[in-house]
Amino acid sequence: MSPCRNWVDTPAGLVVVDKPAGMTSHDVVARLRRLLGTRRIGHAGTLDPAATGVLVCGVQRATKLLGYLPLEPKVYRATVRLGMFTTTDDAEGQPTGGADAATVEELQIHVALAELRGDIEQVPSTVSAVKVDGKRAYALARAGAQVLLAPRPVTVSRFELVALRRGEAVTDLDVLVECSGGTYVRALARDLGAALGVGGHLTALRRTRVGPYGLDEARTLDELTRSGPVLSARLDEAVMQAFPHRAVDAQQARALAHGASLAAIGLAGTHAAIDPDGVAVALLAERDGQARPVLVLHPAGD
């Protein structure tokens, strides 16, 4: 199947990509734009170039949906090398010191992992995308500026040892991480090495799940190229899968399409309004007895 030539013909929805190593998240979006024949594509939850795994992308009107999707928790498989700190907290950086980690006891590792679980205060990596005075931390760091980032609250639900391998002066740990958005796994690697007194950095990272979206439904760019530009889920399907929803009649659907509110029915949090044809008209939130649109998915006249 050849890529769509006219963006009007490209349906709205989500594409769950298994991002390869060596590409930025924006590179993936650029590739999808060529495959799908439209520029209206965005992504949620940036992955570093060296990382692989689940990247959720929105197409057409679904780009506006990305900011509302429940994209937590995030789950990763990672490899941490004990024995050396680096300037970037991963294998791309320059070594900045460490200690022989070949004989670090496994019990010590488990204790240190446990200390980094739960609600913690984490200092992001100096090459993160956190903004400092309007500029990205990584841009400042690469320009030679001293970057001091404040700790921020994150939640690490799981930080577990899966496998351990000994090397000359190093120990490699395969770990499973389940965490909230905004958590930096390479910062966990750094802090684990610091807690053990030997240094640590990330050498591999694969995201296996983002909220309800996992590797089981993700496709590589090569697979998408061979099979044609097929969505993982069309917009209405994606909304119904991701949000609680209420049924609305045709008159209510028309009111929502014009941005009007409906009477509340007691649904908590963001939820969807679905018309008699199964169309997701809008996302709603209830307050003061009214269900107000937070995002109109099918505006009147569109």
Foldseek 3Di string as FASTA:
>chain_A
DAADQDLVPQFKDKAKAFAAAQDWPVNVLVLLCRQNVHNQKDWPDTDPNRATETIIMTGDLCNVVRVVFQFDWWKKKFKKKAFFAFLQLEPVGHTDFFFQDQPQDPVLLVVLQVVPAAWDWFFDRQLAQDDDPRHGSNVCVVVVHDDDGGTDIWHWHAWAFDDWDGDGSMIMTTTMTIIHPPDDVSSVQQSSNVSSRGGMGTYYMYTAGTVPDGPVLHYHSVVCNVVGPDHSDGPLRVQVVRFAEDEDEPVVLLCVLQFHKDFDDDDADWHFYAYPVSGGQAIWHDDPRITGGPGGSRHPPD
